[in-house]
Amino acid sequence: MHVVTVNGGISGATDAQDFVENHLREQIKILKTCDNANLRSCGIETDTNAIKTLAGTSTTMPKALHSLTTSMSNGETTNINTTSYGFVMANGYSVNLFYNPKCLPDDPVSSWHYGQDRVCVNAIYDMNGLGRPNQVGKDIGFVTVLYPNETSVAYAPDVVGNAAVTSTFNAAPQACTDQNPDYSLPNRDELLAMYMNMNILGIPYSHGIWSASEISPELVWYQNFTNGSRTQGAKANPGDVRCVRR
């Protein structure tokens, strides 16, 4: 897992193009930008099924928000038809960036809310542009920025390729350890980043995947991978387990 504090500039733009051209350029050196219809000109592979997921299946680079996660709901502030904007960084990385100008602060109190409304930026990067292997976990990765204020953080969880298992919450940590001693449950924000990149990771639908973020002796946060909702769930209920490496 990699977590960094984001130094301002997350809110205030109107769309992905405005964010990249008039906000992000102030923080990083950008060599070239490309609109959504010409992402390939920035080294972003958009051919059909040209991307290999973490699970080893084939998928197509998302160009609209709903393509990141097939089942995503519009939520309260999220427009699933929002399109991305591309650019090339000084280090040669090609970046396909999505932006939500109306992203919301965290809501740790309500028992149910849409996670996608808390995502301000989701960026898929390719370290060598159109060069092979075009595979998630090798030359392709992602960064998800949550919350539009001074608490903004960026998540790029190191998700493991193993298929999910089902267990109660109390048995979930051991399920990760059984796969590998270095594996553990993601926290609720890491899990939201995984949901936002569900299709390039190759994670299947799930009504609930456990997070490590406990609420009380009885309750814990889990992420719905069918519509994006984050829910407080009873630890005794069955849920899916998807692990990350630290």
Protein backbone atom coordinates (compact mmCIF):
# COMPACT_ATOMS: atom_id res chain seq x y z
CA MET A 1 0.00 0.00 0.00
CA HIS A 2 1.15 3.52 -0.78
CA VAL A 3 -0.56 6.47 0.94
CA VAL A 4 0.42 10.10 0.43
CA THR A 5 -1.08 13.37 1.52
CA VAL A 6 -2.36 15.40 -1.41
CA ASN A 7 -1.14 19.00 -1.42
CA GLY A 8 -4.21 20.98 -2.41
CA GLY A 9 -5.66 21.54 -5.85
CA ILE A 10 -8.19 18.69 -5.62
CA SER A 11 -11.34 20.80 -5.64
CA GLY A 12 -12.23 23.81 -7.77
CA ALA A 13 -12.00 22.38 -11.30
CA THR A 14 -15.02 21.80 -13.52
CA ASP A 15 -13.97 18.50 -15.15
CA ALA A 16 -10.96 16.28 -15.81
CA GLN A 17 -9.57 18.53 -18.54
CA ASP A 18 -9.81 21.63 -16.37
CA PHE A 19 -8.23 19.78 -13.45
CA VAL A 20 -5.24 18.59 -15.51
CA GLU A 21 -4.67 21.76 -17.52
CA ASN A 22 -5.26 24.39 -14.82
CA HIS A 23 -4.60 22.67 -11.49
CA LEU A 24 -2.38 19.59 -11.85
CA ARG A 25 0.07 21.39 -14.17
CA GLU A 26 0.92 23.64 -11.24
CA GLN A 27 2.15 20.63 -9.25
CA ILE A 28 3.78 18.30 -11.78
CA LYS A 29 5.49 18.61 -15.16
CA ILE A 30 3.21 17.47 -17.97
CA LEU A 31 4.67 16.92 -21.44
CA LYS A 32 1.49 16.35 -23.42
CA THR A 33 -2.28 16.19 -22.94
CA CYS A 34 -4.97 14.37 -24.94
CA ASP A 35 -8.75 14.64 -24.92
CA ASN A 36 -10.96 11.61 -24.35
CA ALA A 37 -11.30 10.83 -28.05
CA ASN A 38 -7.52 10.74 -28.56
CA LEU A 39 -6.14 9.02 -25.45
CA ARG A 40 -3.98 6.70 -27.54
CA SER A 41 -1.97 9.74 -28.67
CA CYS A 42 -0.81 10.00 -25.06
CA GLY A 43 0.29 6.36 -24.95
CA ILE A 44 -2.91 5.07 -23.35
CA GLU A 45 -3.87 1.72 -24.88
CA THR A 46 -7.57 1.90 -25.79
CA ASP A 47 -7.89 -1.04 -28.21
CA THR A 48 -10.59 -3.56 -27.28
CA ASN A 49 -9.45 -6.17 -24.71
CA ALA A 50 -5.84 -4.99 -24.99
CA ILE A 51 -5.35 -4.72 -21.20
CA LYS A 52 -4.60 -7.73 -19.01
CA THR A 53 -6.22 -7.52 -15.59
CA LEU A 54 -4.56 -8.51 -12.34
CA ALA A 55 -6.63 -11.69 -12.56
CA GLY A 56 -5.18 -12.47 -15.98
CA THR A 57 -8.34 -11.80 -17.99
CA SER A 58 -8.65 -9.28 -20.82
CA THR A 59 -10.37 -5.90 -20.56
CA THR A 60 -10.51 -2.54 -22.32
CA MET A 61 -9.10 0.69 -20.89
CA PRO A 62 -12.00 2.69 -19.35
CA LYS A 63 -12.87 5.96 -21.09
CA ALA A 64 -16.03 6.72 -19.08
CA LEU A 65 -16.53 6.39 -15.34
CA HIS A 66 -19.09 3.59 -15.69
CA SER A 67 -16.42 1.50 -17.45
CA LEU A 68 -14.22 1.51 -14.35
CA THR A 69 -16.80 -0.55 -12.52
CA THR A 70 -19.63 -1.97 -14.60
CA SER A 71 -22.27 -1.84 -11.86
CA MET A 72 -21.53 1.66 -10.54
CA SER A 73 -24.51 3.76 -9.42
CA ASN A 74 -24.66 7.50 -10.05
CA GLY A 75 -24.68 8.06 -6.29
CA GLU A 76 -25.49 11.54 -4.96
CA THR A 77 -22.79 13.55 -6.77
CA THR A 78 -21.32 11.06 -9.23
CA ASN A 79 -22.15 11.14 -12.94
CA ILE A 80 -21.20 7.72 -14.31
CA ASN A 81 -21.05 9.13 -17.86
CA THR A 82 -18.12 11.39 -16.92
CA THR A 83 -15.21 10.88 -19.31
CA SER A 84 -11.46 10.87 -18.69
CA TYR A 85 -8.60 13.08 -19.87
CA GLY A 86 -5.12 11.89 -20.74
CA PHE A 87 -1.60 13.23 -20.27
CA VAL A 88 2.05 12.21 -20.31
CA MET A 89 4.28 12.96 -17.33
CA ALA A 90 7.93 13.97 -17.48
CA ASN A 91 8.96 10.46 -16.39
CA GLY A 92 7.20 8.99 -19.45
CA TYR A 93 4.18 7.64 -17.61
CA SER A 94 0.90 7.85 -19.54
CA VAL A 95 -2.08 8.73 -17.32
CA ASN A 96 -5.80 8.28 -17.91
CA LEU A 97 -7.50 10.53 -15.32
CA PHE A 98 -11.10 10.76 -14.07
CA TYR A 99 -12.30 13.67 -11.95
CA ASN A 100 -15.40 14.37 -9.85
CA PRO A 101 -15.77 18.12 -9.18
CA LYS A 102 -18.49 17.42 -6.58
CA CYS A 103 -16.73 14.77 -4.51
CA LEU A 104 -17.79 14.71 -0.86
CA PRO A 105 -15.89 14.57 2.44
CA ASP A 106 -15.73 11.32 4.37
CA ASP A 107 -18.85 10.14 6.19
CA PRO A 108 -17.77 7.87 9.04
CA VAL A 109 -21.10 8.22 10.88
CA SER A 110 -23.95 7.18 8.56
CA SER A 111 -24.48 3.44 8.27
CA TRP A 112 -24.74 3.54 4.46
CA HIS A 113 -23.48 5.83 1.70
CA TYR A 114 -22.10 5.69 -1.83
CA GLY A 115 -18.32 5.39 -1.83
CA GLN A 116 -17.90 6.76 -5.35
CA ASP A 117 -19.17 10.15 -4.15
CA ARG A 118 -16.00 10.37 -1.99
CA VAL A 119 -13.63 9.78 -4.94
CA CYS A 120 -12.23 13.06 -6.30
CA VAL A 121 -9.64 11.64 -8.73
CA ASN A 122 -9.04 8.19 -10.15
CA ALA A 123 -5.97 7.87 -12.35
CA ILE A 124 -4.85 4.78 -14.27
CA TYR A 125 -1.20 4.97 -15.33
CA ASP A 126 0.95 2.99 -17.73
CA MET A 127 4.70 3.16 -17.10
CA ASN A 128 5.68 2.49 -20.73
CA GLY A 129 2.75 3.79 -22.74
CA LEU A 130 1.76 1.54 -25.63
CA GLY A 131 4.61 -0.86 -24.91
CA ARG A 132 3.88 -4.34 -23.61
CA PRO A 133 2.85 -6.13 -21.50
CA ASN A 134 -0.06 -3.73 -20.76
CA GLN A 135 -0.85 -5.72 -17.62
CA VAL A 136 -2.12 -4.47 -14.28
CA GLY A 137 0.45 -5.13 -11.58
CA LYS A 138 3.35 -4.91 -14.04
CA ASP A 139 3.35 -1.76 -16.19
CA ILE A 140 -0.21 -0.61 -15.36
CA GLY A 141 -1.41 0.65 -11.97
CA PHE A 142 -3.81 3.15 -10.44
CA VAL A 143 -4.08 5.89 -7.82
CA THR A 144 -7.36 6.93 -6.20
CA VAL A 145 -7.68 10.26 -4.38
CA LEU A 146 -10.43 10.55 -1.76
CA TYR A 147 -12.06 13.52 -0.01
CA PRO A 148 -11.88 17.18 -1.17
CA ASN A 149 -10.28 18.87 1.81
CA GLU A 150 -7.17 18.89 3.94
CA THR A 151 -7.72 15.21 4.75
CA SER A 152 -7.37 14.18 1.07
CA VAL A 153 -5.32 11.03 0.65
CA ALA A 154 -4.23 8.99 -2.35
CA TYR A 155 -4.43 5.20 -2.31
CA ALA A 156 -2.72 2.70 -4.58
CA PRO A 157 -3.28 -0.63 -2.79
CA ASP A 158 -1.06 -3.56 -3.71
CA VAL A 159 -3.91 -5.98 -4.40
CA VAL A 160 -3.10 -9.69 -4.56
CA GLY A 161 -4.25 -11.76 -7.51
CA ASN A 162 -5.74 -14.60 -5.49
CA ALA A 163 -9.49 -15.14 -5.80
CA ALA A 164 -11.72 -14.06 -2.93
CA VAL A 165 -12.88 -16.42 -0.22
CA THR A 166 -15.99 -16.13 1.98
CA SER A 167 -15.92 -15.96 5.77
CA THR A 168 -17.11 -14.07 8.81
CA PHE A 169 -15.16 -10.93 9.72
CA ASN A 170 -13.38 -12.59 12.63
CA ALA A 171 -12.05 -15.30 10.32
CA ALA A 172 -11.15 -12.88 7.51
CA PRO A 173 -7.64 -11.88 8.71
CA GLN A 174 -6.64 -15.54 8.95
CA ALA A 175 -8.00 -16.12 5.44
CA CYS A 176 -5.48 -13.53 4.19
CA THR A 177 -2.63 -15.00 6.24
CA ASP A 178 -3.43 -18.46 4.90
CA GLN A 179 -2.82 -17.13 1.38
CA ASN A 180 0.45 -15.47 2.39
CA PRO A 181 1.82 -14.14 5.72
CA ASP A 182 2.35 -10.73 4.05
CA TYR A 183 -1.34 -10.41 3.12
CA SER A 184 -3.93 -8.56 5.21
CA LEU A 185 -7.37 -7.00 4.94
CA PRO A 186 -7.58 -3.58 3.20
CA ASN A 187 -8.92 -0.64 5.17
CA ARG A 188 -12.17 0.94 3.99
CA ASP A 189 -10.42 3.53 1.77
CA GLU A 190 -8.13 0.98 0.13
CA LEU A 191 -11.20 -1.15 -0.52
CA LEU A 192 -12.98 1.80 -2.14
CA ALA A 193 -9.97 2.32 -4.42
CA MET A 194 -10.19 -1.36 -5.36
CA TYR A 195 -13.88 -0.97 -6.16
CA MET A 196 -13.22 2.05 -8.37
CA ASN A 197 -10.77 -0.04 -10.39
CA MET A 198 -12.74 -3.26 -10.26
CA ASN A 199 -12.67 -3.95 -14.01
CA ILE A 200 -8.94 -3.50 -14.57
CA LEU A 201 -8.25 -5.59 -11.47
CA GLY A 202 -10.61 -8.30 -12.67
CA ILE A 203 -12.48 -8.47 -9.34
CA PRO A 204 -15.95 -10.04 -9.79
CA TYR A 205 -19.22 -8.68 -8.41
CA SER A 206 -19.70 -9.07 -4.67
CA HIS A 207 -22.44 -7.84 -2.36
CA GLY A 208 -19.86 -7.21 0.33
CA ILE A 209 -16.09 -7.40 0.82
CA TRP A 210 -14.74 -6.97 4.33
CA SER A 211 -12.51 -4.05 5.26
CA ALA A 212 -10.20 -3.93 8.28
CA SER A 213 -11.96 -0.75 9.52
CA GLU A 214 -13.88 -1.74 12.62
CA ILE A 215 -16.68 0.42 14.02
CA SER A 216 -17.61 -1.40 17.24
CA PRO A 217 -17.31 -4.88 18.77
CA GLU A 218 -20.20 -5.93 16.51
CA LEU A 219 -19.84 -3.81 13.36
CA VAL A 220 -17.29 -3.25 10.61
CA TRP A 221 -17.23 -1.42 7.26
CA TYR A 222 -17.59 -3.39 4.09
CA GLN A 223 -17.68 -2.37 0.43
CA ASN A 224 -20.47 -3.39 -1.90
CA PHE A 225 -19.01 -4.32 -5.31
CA THR A 226 -22.39 -4.24 -7.06
CA ASN A 227 -23.30 -0.55 -6.73
CA GLY A 228 -20.50 1.14 -4.77
CA SER A 229 -22.18 1.57 -1.40
CA ARG A 230 -20.16 1.47 1.80
CA THR A 231 -22.10 -0.20 4.61
CA GLN A 232 -21.72 -0.96 8.28
CA GLY A 233 -22.08 -4.74 8.52
CA ALA A 234 -22.40 -7.23 11.35
CA LYS A 235 -19.19 -9.16 11.90
CA ALA A 236 -21.10 -12.41 12.27
CA ASN A 237 -22.47 -12.21 8.72
CA PRO A 238 -20.67 -13.91 5.81
CA GLY A 239 -18.68 -11.66 3.51
CA ASP A 240 -16.01 -11.91 0.84
CA VAL A 241 -12.32 -11.45 1.56
CA ARG A 242 -9.88 -9.79 -0.84
CA CYS A 243 -6.40 -9.18 0.52
CA VAL A 244 -3.64 -6.61 -0.02
CA ARG A 245 0.10 -6.87 0.50
CA ARG A 246 2.03 -4.61 2.85
